[in-house]
Protein backbone atom coordinates (compact mmCIF):
# COMPACT_ATOMS: atom_id res chain seq x y z
CA MET A 1 31.77 -3.51 29.65
CA ASP A 2 30.03 -3.37 33.02
CA ILE A 3 27.07 -1.56 31.56
CA VAL A 4 26.92 -4.13 28.74
CA ASN A 5 26.85 -6.99 31.22
CA ILE A 6 24.14 -5.25 33.20
CA ILE A 7 22.03 -4.82 30.05
CA ARG A 8 22.60 -8.46 29.11
CA ASN A 9 21.60 -9.66 32.57
CA VAL A 10 18.47 -7.51 32.48
CA ALA A 11 17.68 -8.84 28.99
CA ASN A 12 18.09 -12.42 30.18
CA LYS A 13 15.89 -11.90 33.23
CA TYR A 14 13.14 -9.75 31.75
CA GLN A 15 13.16 -10.77 28.09
CA ALA A 16 9.42 -11.53 27.98
CA VAL A 17 8.61 -8.19 29.63
CA PHE A 18 10.61 -6.26 27.04
CA TYR A 19 8.93 -8.15 24.22
CA LEU A 20 5.53 -7.30 25.70
CA ILE A 21 6.59 -3.64 25.81
CA THR A 22 7.60 -3.93 22.15
CA VAL A 23 4.16 -5.26 21.21
CA LEU A 24 2.50 -2.42 23.11
CA PHE A 25 4.66 0.08 21.22
CA PHE A 26 3.57 -1.48 17.92
CA ILE A 27 -0.11 -1.47 18.86
CA PHE A 28 0.06 2.16 19.96
CA GLY A 29 2.05 3.04 16.83
CA LEU A 30 -0.55 1.41 14.58
CA ARG A 31 -3.26 3.32 16.39
CA LEU A 32 -1.46 6.61 15.70
CA LEU A 33 -1.00 5.66 12.03
CA THR A 34 -4.77 5.69 11.50
CA SER A 35 -4.78 9.50 11.31
CA PRO A 36 -2.63 11.78 9.12
CA ARG A 37 -2.31 14.12 12.08
CA THR A 38 -0.57 11.52 14.27
CA ALA A 39 1.02 9.29 11.61
CA ARG A 40 4.54 10.65 12.08
CA ARG A 41 4.40 9.99 15.82
CA GLY A 42 3.12 6.51 15.01
CA ASN A 43 6.19 5.83 12.89
CA VAL A 44 8.50 7.02 15.66
CA VAL A 45 6.75 4.95 18.33
CA SER A 46 6.87 1.83 16.15
CA ALA A 47 10.54 2.41 15.35
CA VAL A 48 11.38 2.68 19.06
CA GLY A 49 9.53 -0.57 19.68
CA MET A 50 11.53 -2.29 16.95
CA LEU A 51 14.79 -0.92 18.37
CA ILE A 52 13.95 -2.39 21.79
CA ALA A 53 13.10 -5.78 20.26
CA ILE A 54 16.29 -5.97 18.17
CA THR A 55 18.55 -4.90 21.01
CA ILE A 56 17.04 -7.29 23.56
CA THR A 57 17.17 -10.22 21.13
CA LEU A 58 20.79 -9.65 20.17
CA MET A 59 21.88 -9.12 23.76
CA TYR A 60 19.86 -12.05 25.12
CA HIS A 61 21.27 -14.55 22.67
CA GLY A 62 24.74 -13.02 22.73
CA ILE A 63 24.65 -12.91 18.93
CA LEU A 64 26.58 -9.68 18.55
CA THR A 65 28.74 -7.43 20.65
CA TYR A 66 27.43 -3.99 21.49
CA LYS A 67 29.94 -2.48 19.08
CA LEU A 68 28.55 -4.46 16.15
CA ILE A 69 25.01 -3.59 17.22
CA ILE A 70 25.85 0.13 17.14
CA ILE A 71 27.58 -0.23 13.75
CA GLY A 72 24.60 -2.10 12.32
CA LEU A 73 22.15 0.48 13.65
CA ALA A 74 24.23 3.32 12.22
CA ILE A 75 24.54 1.77 8.76
CA GLY A 76 20.87 0.83 8.62
CA SER A 77 19.77 4.26 9.83
CA ILE A 78 21.90 6.06 7.25
CA ILE A 79 20.62 3.90 4.39
CA GLY A 80 17.02 4.24 5.57
CA ALA A 81 17.21 8.01 6.04
CA ILE A 82 18.84 8.64 2.66
CA SER A 83 16.44 6.37 0.77
CA ALA A 84 13.40 7.89 2.52
CA TYR A 85 14.43 11.49 1.79
CA ALA A 86 15.41 10.69 -1.81
CA LEU A 87 12.20 8.78 -2.48
CA ASP A 88 9.87 10.17 -5.12
CA LEU A 89 6.45 10.12 -3.44
CA ARG A 90 4.97 8.68 -6.63
CA ALA A 91 7.06 5.58 -5.94
CA ILE A 92 5.76 4.87 -2.43
CA PRO A 93 4.06 1.59 -3.47
CA GLN A 94 7.27 0.33 -5.08
CA TYR A 95 9.21 1.27 -1.97
CA VAL A 96 6.77 -0.58 0.27
CA ALA A 97 7.02 -3.61 -2.01
CA ILE A 98 10.82 -3.63 -1.73
CA LEU A 99 10.69 -3.36 2.07
CA ASN A 100 8.19 -6.23 2.20
CA GLY A 101 10.48 -8.26 -0.04
CA PHE A 102 13.47 -7.65 2.23
CA GLY A 103 11.44 -8.78 5.23
CA GLY A 104 10.49 -11.98 3.48
CA ALA A 105 14.05 -12.57 2.29
CA VAL A 106 15.37 -12.25 5.85
CA SER A 107 12.86 -14.82 7.10
CA ALA A 108 13.79 -17.23 4.31
CA LEU A 109 17.52 -16.78 4.93
CA VAL A 110 17.10 -17.36 8.67
CA GLY A 111 15.23 -20.58 7.87
CA VAL A 112 17.98 -21.73 5.49
CA SER A 113 20.66 -20.82 8.06
CA ALA A 114 18.85 -22.73 10.81
CA PHE A 115 18.57 -25.76 8.53
CA ILE A 116 22.30 -25.69 7.76
CA GLN A 117 23.39 -25.20 11.39
CA LYS A 118 20.90 -27.69 12.86
CA GLU A 119 21.33 -26.28 16.37
CA LEU A 120 18.05 -26.98 18.15
CA PRO A 121 17.27 -24.62 21.03
CA ARG A 122 16.57 -26.06 24.45
CA ASN A 123 13.16 -27.70 24.92
CA VAL A 124 12.54 -27.69 21.15
CA THR A 125 11.82 -30.97 19.38
CA SER A 126 13.00 -31.83 15.88
CA LEU A 127 9.38 -31.83 14.67
CA HIS A 128 8.84 -28.30 16.02
CA PHE A 129 12.18 -27.00 14.72
CA TYR A 130 11.98 -28.24 11.14
CA SER A 131 8.26 -27.56 10.80
CA ALA A 132 8.94 -23.91 11.66
CA ILE A 133 11.84 -23.85 9.20
CA SER A 134 9.61 -25.21 6.42
CA VAL A 135 6.79 -22.73 7.05
CA GLY A 136 9.08 -19.71 7.57
CA THR A 137 11.14 -20.46 4.47
CA PHE A 138 8.04 -21.01 2.33
CA ILE A 139 6.23 -17.80 3.36
CA GLY A 140 9.45 -15.76 3.32
CA THR A 141 10.34 -16.90 -0.20
CA LEU A 142 6.77 -16.33 -1.40
CA THR A 143 6.83 -12.82 0.07
CA PHE A 144 10.21 -11.93 -1.45
CA TRP A 145 9.54 -12.98 -5.04
CA GLY A 146 5.94 -11.77 -4.97
CA SER A 147 7.04 -8.36 -3.71
CA MET A 148 9.80 -8.14 -6.33
CA MET A 149 7.26 -8.92 -9.07
CA ALA A 150 4.95 -6.23 -7.68
CA PHE A 151 7.84 -3.76 -7.68
CA ALA A 152 8.72 -4.64 -11.28
CA LYS A 153 5.13 -4.12 -12.45
CA LEU A 154 4.68 -0.80 -10.67
CA GLN A 155 8.09 0.44 -11.80
CA GLY A 156 7.30 -0.45 -15.42
CA LEU A 157 10.12 -2.99 -15.69
CA ILE A 158 7.57 -5.55 -16.89
CA THR A 159 4.09 -5.07 -18.28
CA GLU A 160 1.44 -3.80 -15.87
CA ARG A 161 -1.23 -5.76 -17.72
CA PRO A 162 -2.34 -9.09 -16.24
CA VAL A 163 -0.48 -12.08 -17.66
CA VAL A 164 -2.76 -15.06 -17.12
CA ILE A 165 -1.11 -18.46 -17.51
CA PRO A 166 -3.50 -21.12 -18.90
CA GLY A 167 -4.61 -23.39 -16.06
CA LYS A 168 -3.23 -20.90 -13.55
CA ASN A 169 -5.25 -22.16 -10.58
CA ILE A 170 -4.29 -25.78 -11.19
CA ILE A 171 -0.62 -24.81 -11.53
CA ASN A 172 -0.79 -22.75 -8.33
CA LEU A 173 -2.41 -25.64 -6.47
CA LEU A 174 0.27 -28.00 -7.76
CA LEU A 175 3.08 -25.66 -6.65
CA LEU A 176 1.46 -25.26 -3.23
CA SER A 177 1.21 -29.05 -2.94
CA ILE A 178 4.88 -29.45 -3.85
CA SER A 179 5.83 -26.97 -1.13
CA ALA A 180 3.68 -28.78 1.44
CA VAL A 181 5.02 -32.23 0.51
CA SER A 182 8.60 -30.93 0.53
CA GLY A 183 8.04 -29.49 4.00
CA ILE A 184 6.66 -32.78 5.33
CA LEU A 185 9.58 -34.71 3.84
CA LEU A 186 12.02 -32.19 5.31
CA VAL A 187 10.64 -32.79 8.79
CA ASN A 188 11.03 -36.54 8.35
CA ASP A 189 14.50 -36.31 6.79
CA PRO A 190 16.15 -33.03 7.91
CA TYR A 191 19.50 -34.00 6.37
CA ASN A 192 18.24 -33.98 2.79
CA ILE A 193 18.81 -30.48 1.40
CA TYR A 194 16.84 -31.25 -1.75
CA TYR A 195 13.60 -30.97 0.22
CA LEU A 196 14.57 -27.44 1.28
CA ILE A 197 15.42 -26.63 -2.34
CA GLY A 198 11.98 -27.96 -3.32
CA ILE A 199 10.35 -25.46 -0.92
CA LEU A 200 12.45 -22.58 -2.22
CA VAL A 201 11.83 -23.30 -5.92
CA SER A 202 8.10 -24.07 -5.65
CA ALA A 203 7.45 -21.03 -3.42
CA SER A 204 9.34 -18.79 -5.87
CA LEU A 205 7.37 -20.06 -8.87
CA LEU A 206 4.10 -19.77 -6.95
CA ALA A 207 4.87 -16.15 -6.06
CA ILE A 208 5.57 -15.30 -9.69
CA SER A 209 2.43 -17.08 -10.92
CA LEU A 210 0.22 -15.36 -8.35
CA THR A 211 1.60 -11.88 -8.94
CA ILE A 212 2.05 -11.80 -12.70
CA ALA A 213 -1.67 -12.47 -13.17
CA VAL A 214 -2.56 -9.23 -11.36
CA GLY A 215 -2.80 -5.91 -13.20
CA GLY A 216 -1.00 -2.77 -12.12
CA ALA A 217 -4.21 -1.19 -10.85
CA ASP A 218 -4.74 -4.04 -8.39
CA MET A 219 -1.11 -4.31 -7.34
CA PRO A 220 -1.62 -2.22 -4.16
CA VAL A 221 -3.98 -4.92 -2.88
CA ILE A 222 -1.33 -7.57 -3.47
CA ILE A 223 1.27 -5.41 -1.72
CA ALA A 224 -1.03 -5.17 1.30
CA LEU A 225 -1.34 -8.96 1.24
CA PHE A 226 2.43 -9.33 1.15
CA ILE A 227 2.68 -7.05 4.18
CA SER A 228 0.65 -9.69 5.99
CA TYR A 229 2.80 -12.50 4.60
CA ALA A 230 5.98 -10.72 5.72
CA GLY A 231 4.61 -10.58 9.26
CA LEU A 232 3.56 -14.24 9.19
CA SER A 233 7.00 -15.30 7.91
CA ALA A 234 8.62 -13.38 10.77
CA SER A 235 6.29 -15.08 13.23
CA ALA A 236 7.22 -18.49 11.81
CA VAL A 237 10.91 -17.66 12.24
CA GLY A 238 10.13 -16.76 15.86
CA PHE A 239 8.93 -20.32 16.38
CA ILE A 240 12.29 -21.68 15.14
CA TYR A 241 14.15 -20.19 18.10
CA LEU A 242 11.17 -19.61 20.42
CA THR A 243 11.66 -15.85 20.23
CA HIS A 244 8.41 -14.69 21.80
CA GLY A 245 8.76 -11.08 20.69
CA LEU A 246 9.12 -12.08 17.04
CA ILE A 247 6.12 -14.40 17.31
CA MET A 248 3.93 -11.67 18.81
CA VAL A 249 5.05 -8.83 16.55
CA GLY A 250 4.93 -11.01 13.43
CA SER A 251 1.40 -12.10 14.28
CA LEU A 252 0.39 -8.48 14.83
CA VAL A 253 1.78 -7.41 11.44
CA GLY A 254 0.21 -10.43 9.78
CA ALA A 255 -3.22 -9.63 11.19
CA SER A 256 -2.87 -5.91 10.37
CA GLY A 257 -1.90 -6.71 6.78
CA LEU A 258 -4.93 -8.96 6.34
CA ILE A 259 -7.21 -6.24 7.72
CA LEU A 260 -5.67 -3.71 5.32
CA THR A 261 -6.09 -6.15 2.44
CA ARG A 262 -9.76 -6.62 3.29
CA ILE A 263 -10.32 -2.85 3.52
CA MET A 264 -8.67 -2.30 0.14
CA ALA A 265 -10.58 -5.20 -1.41
CA LYS A 266 -13.83 -3.59 -0.33
CA ALA A 267 -12.75 -0.14 -1.52
CA MET A 268 -11.75 -1.54 -4.94
CA ASN A 269 -14.68 -3.97 -5.23
CA ARG A 270 -12.43 -7.03 -5.31
CA ASP A 271 -13.11 -10.49 -3.89
CA PHE A 272 -11.03 -10.89 -0.73
CA TYR A 273 -10.75 -14.67 -1.08
CA GLY A 274 -10.00 -14.32 -4.78
CA ILE A 275 -7.09 -12.07 -3.87
CA LEU A 276 -5.55 -14.91 -1.85
CA LEU A 277 -5.56 -17.01 -5.05
CA GLY A 278 -4.47 -14.19 -7.36
CA ASN A 279 -7.90 -14.19 -9.03
CA ILE A 280 -8.49 -10.44 -9.22
CA THR A 281 -7.86 -9.95 -12.92
CA PRO A 282 -10.29 -7.34 -14.33
CA PRO A 283 -12.02 -7.80 -17.70
CA GLU A 284 -9.91 -7.30 -20.79
CA MET A 285 -9.87 -3.72 -21.99
CA SER A 286 -10.97 -4.75 -25.48
CA LYS A 287 -14.22 -6.12 -24.09
CA LEU A 288 -15.19 -2.87 -22.44
CA GLN A 289 -17.23 -0.10 -23.97
CA GLY A 290 -15.15 2.46 -25.80
CA GLY A 291 -17.05 5.50 -24.53
CA GLU A 292 -18.11 6.98 -27.85
CA ASP A 293 -21.81 6.55 -27.07
CA ILE A 294 -21.38 8.22 -23.69
CA TYR A 295 -19.14 11.12 -24.70
CA ALA A 296 -20.26 11.93 -28.27
CA GLY A 297 -21.35 15.58 -28.47
CA ARG A 298 -21.73 15.94 -24.70
CA ILE A 299 -18.23 16.89 -23.53
CA LYS A 300 -17.89 20.57 -22.59
CA SER A 301 -14.30 21.74 -22.70
CA THR A 302 -13.32 24.89 -20.82
CA THR A 303 -10.28 27.00 -19.98
CA PRO A 304 -8.80 28.05 -16.63
CA GLU A 305 -10.05 31.59 -17.33
CA GLU A 306 -13.65 30.36 -17.53
CA ALA A 307 -13.26 27.85 -14.68
CA VAL A 308 -12.27 30.53 -12.17
CA MET A 309 -15.62 32.21 -12.77
CA ILE A 310 -17.33 29.09 -11.45
CA LEU A 311 -14.99 28.95 -8.45
CA GLU A 312 -15.38 32.64 -7.67
CA ALA A 313 -19.17 32.28 -7.33
CA SER A 314 -18.96 29.29 -4.95
CA LYS A 315 -19.14 29.04 -1.16
CA ARG A 316 -17.88 25.48 -0.69
CA VAL A 317 -15.32 23.71 -2.91
CA ALA A 318 -14.19 20.08 -2.83
CA ILE A 319 -10.85 19.12 -4.34
CA VAL A 320 -10.69 15.45 -5.36
CA PRO A 321 -7.08 14.30 -5.92
CA GLY A 322 -6.17 11.20 -7.92
CA TYR A 323 -3.13 9.47 -9.30
CA GLY A 324 -2.86 12.13 -12.02
CA LEU A 325 -2.03 14.66 -9.30
CA ALA A 326 0.78 12.43 -8.05
CA VAL A 327 2.18 11.83 -11.54
CA ALA A 328 2.20 15.58 -12.27
CA GLN A 329 3.57 16.43 -8.81
CA ALA A 330 0.84 19.07 -8.57
CA GLN A 331 0.36 19.10 -4.82
CA GLY A 332 2.00 22.53 -4.54
CA PRO A 333 -0.36 24.28 -7.00
CA VAL A 334 -3.41 22.55 -5.50
CA ARG A 335 -2.43 23.92 -2.10
CA ASP A 336 -2.03 27.38 -3.61
CA LEU A 337 -5.52 27.10 -5.11
CA MET A 338 -6.92 26.21 -1.70
CA ALA A 339 -5.16 29.20 -0.13
CA GLU A 340 -6.50 31.63 -2.75
CA LEU A 341 -10.07 30.40 -2.38
CA GLU A 342 -9.92 30.62 1.39
CA LYS A 343 -8.80 34.24 1.20
CA ASP A 344 -12.29 34.97 -0.16
CA GLY A 345 -13.97 33.03 2.63
CA ILE A 346 -14.69 29.98 0.47
CA GLU A 347 -14.72 26.70 2.41
CA VAL A 348 -12.31 24.17 0.87
CA TYR A 349 -11.82 20.50 1.71
CA PHE A 350 -10.14 17.51 0.07
CA ALA A 351 -12.27 14.45 -0.68
CA ILE A 352 -9.94 11.45 -0.32
CA HIS A 353 -10.88 8.01 -1.60
CA PRO A 354 -9.15 5.12 0.26
CA VAL A 355 -7.42 3.87 -2.88
CA ALA A 356 -6.86 7.17 -4.71
CA GLY A 357 -3.32 6.97 -6.03
CA ARG A 358 -1.57 3.65 -5.62
CA MET A 359 -1.76 2.95 -1.88
CA PRO A 360 -3.99 3.83 1.06
CA GLY A 361 -2.85 7.20 2.38
CA HIS A 362 -0.97 8.06 -0.83
CA MET A 363 -2.91 11.29 -1.40
CA SER A 364 -2.74 12.23 2.28
CA VAL A 365 1.06 11.92 2.21
CA LEU A 366 1.33 14.06 -0.93
CA LEU A 367 -0.85 16.80 0.54
CA ALA A 368 0.84 16.68 3.94
CA GLU A 369 4.15 17.23 2.14
CA VAL A 370 2.99 20.73 1.16
CA ASP A 371 1.46 21.46 4.58
CA VAL A 372 -2.21 21.08 3.73
CA PRO A 373 -3.92 21.07 7.17
CA TYR A 374 -4.98 17.60 8.27
CA ASP A 375 -8.51 18.73 9.10
CA LYS A 376 -8.99 19.55 5.40
CA LEU A 377 -8.59 15.87 4.45
CA LYS A 378 -11.97 14.14 4.51
CA THR A 379 -12.56 10.40 4.33
CA LEU A 380 -14.87 8.77 1.81
CA GLU A 381 -17.77 8.73 4.26
CA GLU A 382 -17.19 12.32 5.42
CA SER A 383 -16.85 13.53 1.84
CA ASN A 384 -20.06 11.87 0.67
CA GLU A 385 -21.95 13.66 3.44
CA LEU A 386 -20.58 17.01 2.23
CA LEU A 387 -20.60 16.60 -1.55
CA PRO A 388 -24.39 17.06 -2.15
CA ASP A 389 -24.12 20.47 -0.46
CA THR A 390 -20.89 21.43 -2.26
CA ASP A 391 -20.97 24.08 -4.98
CA VAL A 392 -17.94 22.94 -7.00
CA ALA A 393 -15.85 19.77 -7.09
CA VAL A 394 -12.43 20.07 -8.72
CA VAL A 395 -11.39 16.58 -9.82
CA VAL A 396 -7.63 16.38 -10.38
CA GLY A 397 -6.52 13.23 -12.15
CA ALA A 398 -9.11 10.93 -10.54
CA ASN A 399 -11.22 8.61 -12.65
CA ASP A 400 -12.49 5.25 -11.36
CA VAL A 401 -13.04 6.54 -7.81
CA VAL A 402 -15.59 9.09 -9.12
CA ASN A 403 -17.26 6.91 -11.77
CA PRO A 404 -21.04 6.76 -11.20
CA THR A 405 -21.37 3.46 -13.10
CA ALA A 406 -20.18 1.76 -9.90
CA ARG A 407 -23.71 2.33 -8.55
CA TYR A 408 -25.82 0.87 -11.34
CA ALA A 409 -23.87 -0.93 -14.11
CA LYS A 410 -23.91 -4.56 -12.99
CA ASP A 411 -21.78 -5.67 -15.95
CA SER A 412 -19.03 -3.20 -15.01
CA PRO A 413 -15.90 -4.25 -13.08
CA LEU A 414 -16.54 -1.20 -10.90
CA TYR A 415 -20.04 -2.28 -9.86
CA GLY A 416 -20.42 -2.17 -6.09
CA MET A 417 -17.21 -0.24 -5.51
CA PRO A 418 -17.67 2.65 -3.06
CA ILE A 419 -17.07 5.92 -4.90
CA LEU A 420 -17.00 9.63 -4.13
CA ASP A 421 -20.39 11.13 -5.02
CA VAL A 422 -18.88 13.95 -7.05
CA ASP A 423 -21.74 13.90 -9.55
CA LYS A 424 -24.07 15.16 -6.79
CA CYS A 425 -22.25 18.50 -6.58
CA ARG A 426 -23.78 21.54 -8.24
CA SER A 427 -20.80 21.92 -10.62
CA VAL A 428 -17.80 19.75 -11.47
CA ILE A 429 -14.47 20.83 -12.98
CA VAL A 430 -12.38 17.89 -14.19
CA ILE A 431 -8.69 18.36 -14.91
CA LYS A 432 -7.51 15.50 -17.08
CA ARG A 433 -5.20 15.04 -20.04
CA SER A 434 -7.76 13.13 -22.12
CA LEU A 435 -10.94 11.07 -21.96
CA SER A 436 -8.96 7.85 -21.64
CA PRO A 437 -10.44 5.51 -19.00
CA GLY A 438 -8.87 4.69 -15.66
CA PHE A 439 -7.21 1.39 -14.79
CA SER A 440 -10.57 -0.38 -14.95
CA GLY A 441 -11.00 0.56 -18.61
CA VAL A 442 -14.55 1.83 -17.97
CA PRO A 443 -15.72 5.13 -19.55
CA ASN A 444 -16.85 7.71 -17.01
CA PRO A 445 -20.29 9.31 -17.62
CA LEU A 446 -19.41 11.98 -15.04
CA PHE A 447 -17.37 13.69 -17.76
CA ALA A 448 -20.49 14.02 -19.95
CA ASN A 449 -22.85 15.30 -17.25
CA ASP A 450 -24.61 18.61 -17.83
CA ASN A 451 -22.92 20.13 -14.76
CA THR A 452 -19.38 19.01 -15.72
CA VAL A 453 -16.71 20.93 -17.61
CA MET A 454 -13.33 19.54 -18.64
CA ILE A 455 -9.89 21.16 -18.66
CA PHE A 456 -7.74 18.97 -20.91
CA SER A 457 -4.24 19.45 -19.54
CA ASP A 458 -1.64 18.03 -17.18
CA ALA A 459 -2.59 18.78 -13.60
CA LYS A 460 0.34 21.01 -12.71
CA PRO A 461 0.13 23.61 -15.50
CA ALA A 462 -3.68 23.62 -15.32
CA LEU A 463 -3.73 24.27 -11.57
CA THR A 464 -0.94 26.83 -11.84
CA GLU A 465 -2.97 28.68 -14.48
CA LEU A 466 -6.12 28.44 -12.32
CA VAL A 467 -4.28 30.06 -9.42
CA LYS A 468 -2.89 32.78 -11.66
CA GLU A 469 -6.30 33.57 -13.22
CA TYR A 470 -8.01 33.59 -9.82
CA ARG A 471 -5.48 36.05 -8.41
CA GLU A 472 -5.98 38.32 -11.41
CA LEU A 473 -9.75 38.06 -11.00
CA ARG A 474 -9.52 39.17 -7.36
CA THR A 475 -7.31 42.14 -8.26
């Protein structure tokens, strides 16, 4: 017990210092997360920072005994470790959505609990206290239900297609107004629980309305936005009890999430401000060109046996992974292909688009899982400098991120979207199950180019056959 009292006394005396240390851990952790090479260390550093913040808060307020803190840490660590190791890497976006939802739910529950208990901290006015409860509960509820809707769409529990409610913007504005009015009334009459219920119901309906109108292809952008909202809800909860660490860390996460949302909006050619209103619905698929005029008589199908001839004569090869690689779990064969090519002195690199897959970093995580060296992973900018001087690009399950119409077709939903300049390579090998368009619904003229050949197959068996044929060619 002596050591516990010492820790509590230190927490009481230097609480602000420990919270500042926590923020520094988070900032340093975020910095490390910007590179695949240091991302794991970034996770560890951030986790240590969170551990410090939780421990200091619980000890400072005397909320729990050290025994309960240890039990809670043990249970949470076991659940987190098991779920992380059991996670299918194709489901990373869904997992992130669930974690965001839990963060929002916690903020909302803390707000509800504070409202019920009505125990104002020292030097906190009623206006301050109940205003923070209103804001924290609103953002937390919005984050929870929005994240759950995103999870349901990505998991296929509900349709991935946009469901646009007639008069959506007016309805959303009305729901937002109801939340704001309920919050103002709650501050003026903190003993009326119906005002809190008004916030909870209107925020829930607003979250559903905003999210259901977004298609599955754009859901990663919404998830990034909810990361920001989860941080802002935590910051609002910090204002309820004047917990400076929660205010600072929540603000940091909120700002980081908004930056990520803006980066993804640019990479996917979406309007950042439209995202905030849920107005990122792409054109209906039926209104888009079917592709017959582009593909008719121009598609050149090939086999792995013929494709290895192209690879064998090359000096530099780019591998462009897409969501099809993740679905097929083909990261192992693609690594084997890289290894075989490098045995012959062929330079190989991976051209990674920021939104290839379903989340930023999705492809990098998949490739890191099979020990592809980090220096082989090139960003969009780095790749586009190399692609014009690359002999062969092997496109595995990517579509929209290599579609040249993004440069010139002003009536296309892809117009203005930064893409990988795969069509500038000397030869292109596309591994794809069919000519079906990507999430945008736009046909890809890359597939009909004179220098492009198609292998119509799932990524895993096609790559496995490529590796086999290349080995036989070398022997």
